[in-house]
């Protein structure tokens, strides 16, 4: 594992043009700042339309901010050229919400994992075959020989998401951006995937940005929590503190909507 670089999001705003020329710009992300320290797990929580996925796209280079800066270590992401972006995409990997759409239905698990090993890490065919087995065992798909030749439709949702995580790991990333990674899985499978993400962070020193609308899963998966509302960070702190002692009305509303057992409704502090 190479030295892990922290991500810094500084005063980032992202606007889009309105549907009509006379419409004002749509502000998807509004002056957002936060850091992800090396090896940290940070949660980004908010309802649909709060700007979570836009932030993920900016971090992964799919979108550029209208203003503000994104730094990964000493790298200004907005200034990267094609070659720089290729290396950046190796260092920063995405785990998508939909494990069904994230995998090519015509490619076996082995082929899906072999491609990045050959293309990004320059492995020989024999080296890649060995590493595929290691990756599958790392994400809990054992014995790996039972999964290498399978197509996505032959796997459960949880198994598919583990393959997606294995693909992300294949290029030795420093940061994983997980955008609602368990929201499409059965409840019985969610805990296992969340446990896996935590174990990988601890064993490999990978930083994690965990994006979700679900405060309960954020409690399991993260150390620090950002609460996003209408494109702005309204609360930020250690996950335990935010969930037990919310300071913003919006955070309180999210918690009360969950009706968390053992936690009475709590008014926000003045």
Protein backbone atom coordinates (compact mmCIF):
# COMPACT_ATOMS: atom_id res chain seq x y z
CA UNK A 1 0.00 0.00 0.00
CA UNK A 2 1.41 3.39 -0.93
CA UNK A 3 1.31 6.38 1.38
CA UNK A 4 -2.29 7.37 1.90
CA UNK A 5 -3.23 10.92 0.98
CA UNK A 6 -5.99 12.82 2.72
CA UNK A 7 -8.82 14.39 0.75
CA UNK A 8 -9.60 18.07 1.29
CA UNK A 9 -12.83 19.64 0.04
CA UNK A 10 -12.51 23.44 0.31
CA UNK A 11 -15.44 25.81 -0.23
CA UNK A 12 -16.86 23.70 -3.05
CA UNK A 13 -19.97 24.92 -4.86
CA UNK A 14 -21.61 23.22 -7.82
CA UNK A 15 -24.38 24.88 -9.80
CA UNK A 16 -26.31 23.77 -12.86
CA UNK A 17 -28.24 25.86 -15.35
CA UNK A 18 -32.00 26.05 -14.85
CA UNK A 19 -34.34 24.30 -17.25
CA UNK A 20 -35.14 27.59 -18.94
CA UNK A 21 -32.88 30.54 -19.61
CA UNK A 22 -34.95 32.69 -17.28
CA UNK A 23 -34.61 30.20 -14.41
CA UNK A 24 -31.95 30.86 -11.75
CA UNK A 25 -29.08 28.38 -11.47
CA UNK A 26 -29.72 25.24 -9.44
CA UNK A 27 -27.30 25.03 -6.52
CA UNK A 28 -26.56 21.34 -5.91
CA UNK A 29 -23.62 21.86 -3.54
CA UNK A 30 -23.26 25.11 -1.60
CA UNK A 31 -19.88 26.11 -0.13
CA UNK A 32 -19.04 22.69 1.30
CA UNK A 33 -15.78 22.06 3.15
CA UNK A 34 -14.52 18.92 4.88
CA UNK A 35 -11.46 16.71 5.21
CA UNK A 36 -10.99 12.96 5.13
CA UNK A 37 -7.90 12.03 7.11
CA UNK A 38 -5.73 9.05 6.10
CA UNK A 39 -7.47 5.84 7.11
CA UNK A 40 -10.59 7.62 8.34
CA UNK A 41 -14.20 6.62 7.69
CA UNK A 42 -16.40 9.65 7.12
CA UNK A 43 -20.14 9.43 6.59
CA UNK A 44 -22.09 11.83 4.38
CA UNK A 45 -25.76 11.62 5.30
CA UNK A 46 -28.77 13.34 3.79
CA UNK A 47 -32.08 12.79 2.07
CA UNK A 48 -32.48 12.29 -1.66
CA UNK A 49 -31.61 15.49 -3.52
CA UNK A 50 -29.40 16.86 -0.75
CA UNK A 51 -26.29 16.89 -2.95
CA UNK A 52 -24.60 13.68 -1.77
CA UNK A 53 -24.15 12.11 -5.19
CA UNK A 54 -22.95 15.38 -6.68
CA UNK A 55 -20.19 15.49 -4.07
CA UNK A 56 -19.28 11.90 -4.96
CA UNK A 57 -19.06 12.81 -8.65
CA UNK A 58 -16.83 15.79 -7.88
CA UNK A 59 -14.50 13.68 -5.74
CA UNK A 60 -14.22 10.98 -8.39
CA UNK A 61 -13.62 13.49 -11.18
CA UNK A 62 -16.90 12.93 -13.00
CA UNK A 63 -17.89 16.55 -12.34
CA UNK A 64 -15.87 19.71 -11.80
CA UNK A 65 -16.81 22.20 -9.11
CA UNK A 66 -18.17 25.58 -10.15
CA UNK A 67 -15.97 27.08 -7.45
CA UNK A 68 -13.77 25.85 -4.63
CA UNK A 69 -11.02 23.24 -4.65
CA UNK A 70 -10.60 19.51 -4.17
CA UNK A 71 -7.15 18.28 -3.17
CA UNK A 72 -6.01 14.71 -2.81
CA UNK A 73 -2.77 15.04 -0.93
CA UNK A 74 -0.94 17.73 -2.87
CA UNK A 75 -2.90 17.10 -6.08
CA UNK A 76 -5.44 19.67 -7.27
CA UNK A 77 -8.02 17.36 -8.83
CA UNK A 78 -9.53 20.03 -11.12
CA UNK A 79 -6.15 20.61 -12.80
CA UNK A 80 -5.44 16.99 -13.67
CA UNK A 81 -4.95 16.11 -17.31
CA UNK A 82 -5.81 12.79 -18.91
CA UNK A 83 -2.73 10.98 -17.60
CA UNK A 84 -3.13 12.45 -14.13
CA UNK A 85 -6.80 11.48 -14.03
CA UNK A 86 -5.93 7.89 -14.89
CA UNK A 87 -3.66 7.65 -11.86
CA UNK A 88 -6.18 9.53 -9.71
CA UNK A 89 -8.93 7.08 -10.68
CA UNK A 90 -6.67 4.27 -9.53
CA UNK A 91 -6.12 5.95 -6.17
CA UNK A 92 -9.78 6.89 -5.67
CA UNK A 93 -12.28 4.13 -6.35
CA UNK A 94 -16.07 4.14 -6.36
CA UNK A 95 -18.44 1.49 -5.03
CA UNK A 96 -21.83 2.12 -6.56
CA UNK A 97 -25.32 1.77 -5.16
CA UNK A 98 -26.47 -0.74 -7.76
CA UNK A 99 -24.42 -3.95 -7.80
CA UNK A 100 -26.60 -5.18 -10.64
CA UNK A 101 -25.75 -2.31 -12.99
CA UNK A 102 -22.11 -1.99 -11.91
CA UNK A 103 -21.06 -5.31 -13.44
CA UNK A 104 -21.07 -6.24 -17.11
CA UNK A 105 -23.60 -9.09 -17.40
CA UNK A 106 -21.47 -10.80 -20.08
CA UNK A 107 -18.22 -10.86 -18.11
CA UNK A 108 -17.32 -13.53 -15.59
CA UNK A 109 -16.13 -12.55 -12.13
CA UNK A 110 -12.61 -13.62 -13.05
CA UNK A 111 -12.53 -11.47 -16.17
CA UNK A 112 -14.00 -8.48 -14.32
CA UNK A 113 -11.18 -8.60 -11.77
CA UNK A 114 -8.40 -9.53 -14.19
CA UNK A 115 -8.81 -6.46 -16.42
CA UNK A 116 -7.79 -3.81 -13.85
CA UNK A 117 -4.95 -6.01 -12.62
CA UNK A 118 -3.53 -6.23 -16.14
CA UNK A 119 -4.31 -2.65 -17.21
CA UNK A 120 -3.44 -0.70 -14.06
CA UNK A 121 -0.94 -2.89 -12.24
CA UNK A 122 0.77 -4.50 -15.23
CA UNK A 123 0.41 -8.07 -13.97
CA UNK A 124 1.02 -11.07 -16.15
CA UNK A 125 -1.86 -13.44 -16.77
CA UNK A 126 -0.52 -15.88 -14.17
CA UNK A 127 0.01 -13.14 -11.59
CA UNK A 128 -3.48 -11.79 -12.21
CA UNK A 129 -5.03 -15.23 -11.79
CA UNK A 130 -3.37 -15.60 -8.40
CA UNK A 131 -4.38 -12.10 -7.32
CA UNK A 132 -8.01 -12.69 -8.37
CA UNK A 133 -8.15 -15.59 -5.94
CA UNK A 134 -6.66 -13.44 -3.19
CA UNK A 135 -9.15 -10.63 -3.84
CA UNK A 136 -12.15 -12.95 -3.76
CA UNK A 137 -11.00 -14.48 -0.50
CA UNK A 138 -10.39 -11.00 0.92
CA UNK A 139 -14.02 -10.01 0.30
CA UNK A 140 -15.37 -13.28 1.68
CA UNK A 141 -16.18 -15.12 -1.54
CA UNK A 142 -14.71 -18.50 -0.67
CA UNK A 143 -13.67 -20.88 -1.96
CA UNK A 144 -12.75 -18.48 -4.75
CA UNK A 145 -12.77 -21.25 -7.35
CA UNK A 146 -16.56 -21.41 -7.06
CA UNK A 147 -16.94 -17.75 -8.09
CA UNK A 148 -14.26 -17.07 -10.73
CA UNK A 149 -16.28 -18.48 -13.61
CA UNK A 150 -19.68 -17.14 -12.61
CA UNK A 151 -21.62 -14.41 -14.38
CA UNK A 152 -23.32 -11.63 -12.38
CA UNK A 153 -26.80 -13.11 -12.73
CA UNK A 154 -25.57 -16.26 -11.00
CA UNK A 155 -24.72 -14.30 -7.84
CA UNK A 156 -26.85 -12.88 -5.05
CA UNK A 157 -27.01 -9.12 -4.54
CA UNK A 158 -24.61 -9.30 -1.62
CA UNK A 159 -22.16 -11.42 -3.60
CA UNK A 160 -22.29 -8.98 -6.50
CA UNK A 161 -21.51 -6.07 -4.21
CA UNK A 162 -18.55 -8.00 -2.82
CA UNK A 163 -17.28 -8.46 -6.38
CA UNK A 164 -17.66 -4.70 -6.93
CA UNK A 165 -15.63 -4.08 -3.77
CA UNK A 166 -13.01 -6.60 -4.92
CA UNK A 167 -12.74 -4.76 -8.23
CA UNK A 168 -12.19 -1.49 -6.36
CA UNK A 169 -9.48 -3.13 -4.26
CA UNK A 170 -7.76 -4.60 -7.31
CA UNK A 171 -6.00 -1.31 -8.14
CA UNK A 172 -4.76 -0.74 -4.55
CA UNK A 173 -6.79 2.42 -3.86
CA UNK A 174 -6.19 4.95 -1.09
CA UNK A 175 -9.79 6.18 -0.87
CA UNK A 176 -13.06 4.36 -1.53
CA UNK A 177 -16.18 6.41 -2.15
CA UNK A 178 -19.12 4.14 -1.33
CA UNK A 179 -22.38 5.67 -2.58
CA UNK A 180 -25.33 3.95 -0.85
CA UNK A 181 -23.53 0.59 -1.12
CA UNK A 182 -26.11 -1.42 0.85
CA UNK A 183 -29.37 0.34 0.03
CA UNK A 184 -30.35 -2.15 -2.70
CA UNK A 185 -29.41 -5.22 -0.67
CA UNK A 186 -31.63 -7.37 1.51
CA UNK A 187 -31.42 -6.47 5.18
CA UNK A 188 -29.78 -9.83 5.87
CA UNK A 189 -26.88 -8.94 3.56
CA UNK A 190 -26.28 -5.34 4.65
CA UNK A 191 -24.45 -6.05 7.89
CA UNK A 192 -21.96 -8.31 6.14
CA UNK A 193 -21.04 -5.70 3.52
CA UNK A 194 -20.71 -2.97 6.17
CA UNK A 195 -18.48 -5.25 8.24
CA UNK A 196 -16.36 -5.94 5.18
CA UNK A 197 -15.84 -2.23 4.48
CA UNK A 198 -14.77 -1.67 8.09
CA UNK A 199 -12.38 -4.63 8.03
CA UNK A 200 -10.78 -3.48 4.78
CA UNK A 201 -10.26 0.01 6.14
CA UNK A 202 -8.55 -1.36 9.23
CA UNK A 203 -6.43 -3.97 7.46
CA UNK A 204 -5.39 -1.89 4.44
CA UNK A 205 -5.46 1.66 5.80
CA UNK A 206 -7.92 2.76 3.13
CA UNK A 207 -9.88 5.96 3.70
CA UNK A 208 -13.65 5.68 3.26
CA UNK A 209 -16.35 8.16 2.34
CA UNK A 210 -19.62 6.41 3.11
CA UNK A 211 -22.59 8.12 1.47
CA UNK A 212 -26.06 7.19 2.68
CA UNK A 213 -29.52 8.35 3.68
CA UNK A 214 -29.51 5.78 6.48
CA UNK A 215 -28.22 7.05 9.82
CA UNK A 216 -28.28 3.56 11.32
CA UNK A 217 -25.81 2.17 8.79
CA UNK A 218 -23.66 5.30 9.16
CA UNK A 219 -23.44 4.55 12.86
CA UNK A 220 -21.91 1.17 12.05
CA UNK A 221 -19.62 2.21 9.21
CA UNK A 222 -18.16 5.61 10.14
CA UNK A 223 -16.14 7.50 12.73
CA UNK A 224 -17.17 11.01 11.72
CA UNK A 225 -20.42 12.23 10.24
CA UNK A 226 -21.40 15.07 7.91
CA UNK A 227 -25.10 15.88 7.66
CA UNK A 228 -26.03 17.44 4.32
CA UNK A 229 -29.23 19.42 3.73
CA UNK A 230 -30.04 21.39 0.57
CA UNK A 231 -26.43 21.20 -0.54
CA UNK A 232 -24.95 22.52 2.72
CA UNK A 233 -23.25 20.82 5.66
CA UNK A 234 -25.52 21.55 8.63
CA UNK A 235 -23.75 19.37 11.18
CA UNK A 236 -20.33 17.73 11.46
CA UNK A 237 -18.69 15.78 14.24
CA UNK A 238 -17.86 12.33 15.61
CA UNK A 239 -20.61 9.95 14.54
CA UNK A 240 -21.49 8.95 18.09
CA UNK A 241 -21.81 12.58 19.21
CA UNK A 242 -23.91 13.62 16.22
CA UNK A 243 -26.33 10.74 16.71
CA UNK A 244 -26.62 11.04 20.48
CA UNK A 245 -26.52 14.83 20.78
CA UNK A 246 -27.70 16.37 17.49
CA UNK A 247 -27.36 20.14 17.27
CA UNK A 248 -29.32 20.91 14.11
CA UNK A 249 -33.08 20.63 13.60
CA UNK A 250 -32.58 18.68 10.38
CA UNK A 251 -30.42 16.05 12.09
CA UNK A 252 -33.03 15.74 14.83
CA UNK A 253 -35.74 15.26 12.20
CA UNK A 254 -33.73 12.50 10.50
CA UNK A 255 -33.22 10.72 13.80
CA UNK A 256 -36.82 11.07 14.93
CA UNK A 257 -38.01 9.70 11.59
CA UNK A 258 -36.09 6.52 12.36
CA UNK A 259 -37.77 6.12 15.76
CA UNK A 260 -34.53 4.60 16.99
CA UNK A 261 -35.27 2.19 19.89
CA UNK A 262 -34.08 3.56 23.21
CA UNK A 263 -33.62 7.09 21.97
CA UNK A 264 -36.29 9.66 22.85
CA UNK A 265 -37.04 12.53 20.51
CA UNK A 266 -34.52 15.26 21.24
CA UNK A 267 -34.93 18.94 20.44
CA UNK A 268 -32.02 20.67 18.75
CA UNK A 269 -29.91 22.93 20.90
CA UNK A 270 -30.51 26.64 20.54
